[in-house]
């Protein structure tokens, strides 16, 4: 006799009640076609692929409630008992509140996800659930902001340049302990643009983890075309012939001279007390070689051609700016990093004590395993004379939909 399926402890509220006027389509956004299926249907794919059973609550407009039920039942199959569709409200906040009212008693963790982020990978959901279990508080995904940000007044006059190192572009799903999220909604006295802001308004704390470039929001016709392109590049009908390799490799090399007037940033880490590296950005040879290897593997050129060598927006920029944008470009091209190895060549800094820290930092940015090692040239050449450092990287990338690839308000 098959044992009964345990009651789910995680619920995912999928908000699909918006009109999506900026998309310029006659249907509510979640019901617009995306490569032969609705945006809502695409957004459910990673959820039904999660390792553990979850409760799914889809919040839909009254006008399309039956259509939403059909989509959910078709996607759910045998898991339909843990799925429901409820009517949304006049605002996103009211729609989420409708979803919260439908939660099962067993639910301990709630994820709120916008159906418009239809390509968010399942790995992002899994990571957020695990982080809430560990932290016991709200956790949201975010990406570093690469553009220079200006604060302006009502007349569009620039007032100041905002420090982007303290900014994050926030995505969904956003995950919270159920009790905390429900209490925040019950105490809400005004509208907020996302659930994290509501939690903070209620006195709660929220942490940010690395988001995923694929979790972009379909808001405009350009976004919809981008989503179509990504799905088309994944489709078997548009892949290269079977004889063509599904795996690609690339090599990247970078070198920078030492500059004692600069702080040292290397492998995504700050190295206090060490002479820095000369460069328009922070001169992080390890990160730059890594990016070159990934771009080379995807046939996208090199870091100089993509980012330029004197872009004022990149003055002093650190590894996260270059690596996250490189990974995004790979995703747009239909690839995902699978493995990266970097060899640092130089006398200083003494790398071994921070090797693991550097690997963890870069792995989190790239989204796959990154190994970093260091060596010297026995006093030969500019690295041996202590005039600078060099880095050599090799990267392995795969088609984004292949099982080997890592699979993201």
Foldseek 3Di string as FASTA:
>chain_A
DDDDADDDQEEEEEEQAAQLVQAVDPGRQQQDDAQRGGLLLLQCVLVLVDPHDYAYEYEYAPVCQVVVLVSLCVSQPVNCVRYDYHYADPDSLRSVVRVLVPDDPNYFKYWYAYSQLSQFHNVQVVVQVVVCVVPVFKEWEWAQDLFWDFDADPVRHTDDTDDSVPDTHTFDRIMGTSVLQNVLSVPDDDDDPDSQVSSVVVVGDYYYAHFALSSDGPRYNVSSVLSNLLVQDLDPVNDDPPVDDQKFKFKFKDKFFWAQVAFAAELNDTDPPDTFTDAQARRHQQLQRQLQGLCRRLVNHHPCVVPNRHPNSRRNNTSLSSLLVSQSVQSSSQKAWQEKEKEKEADDDPCVVCQVVSQVVSCSSRVYGYGYYYDYDCLDDCRSVRGIMMMMMMTMMGGQPDPSGRGRD
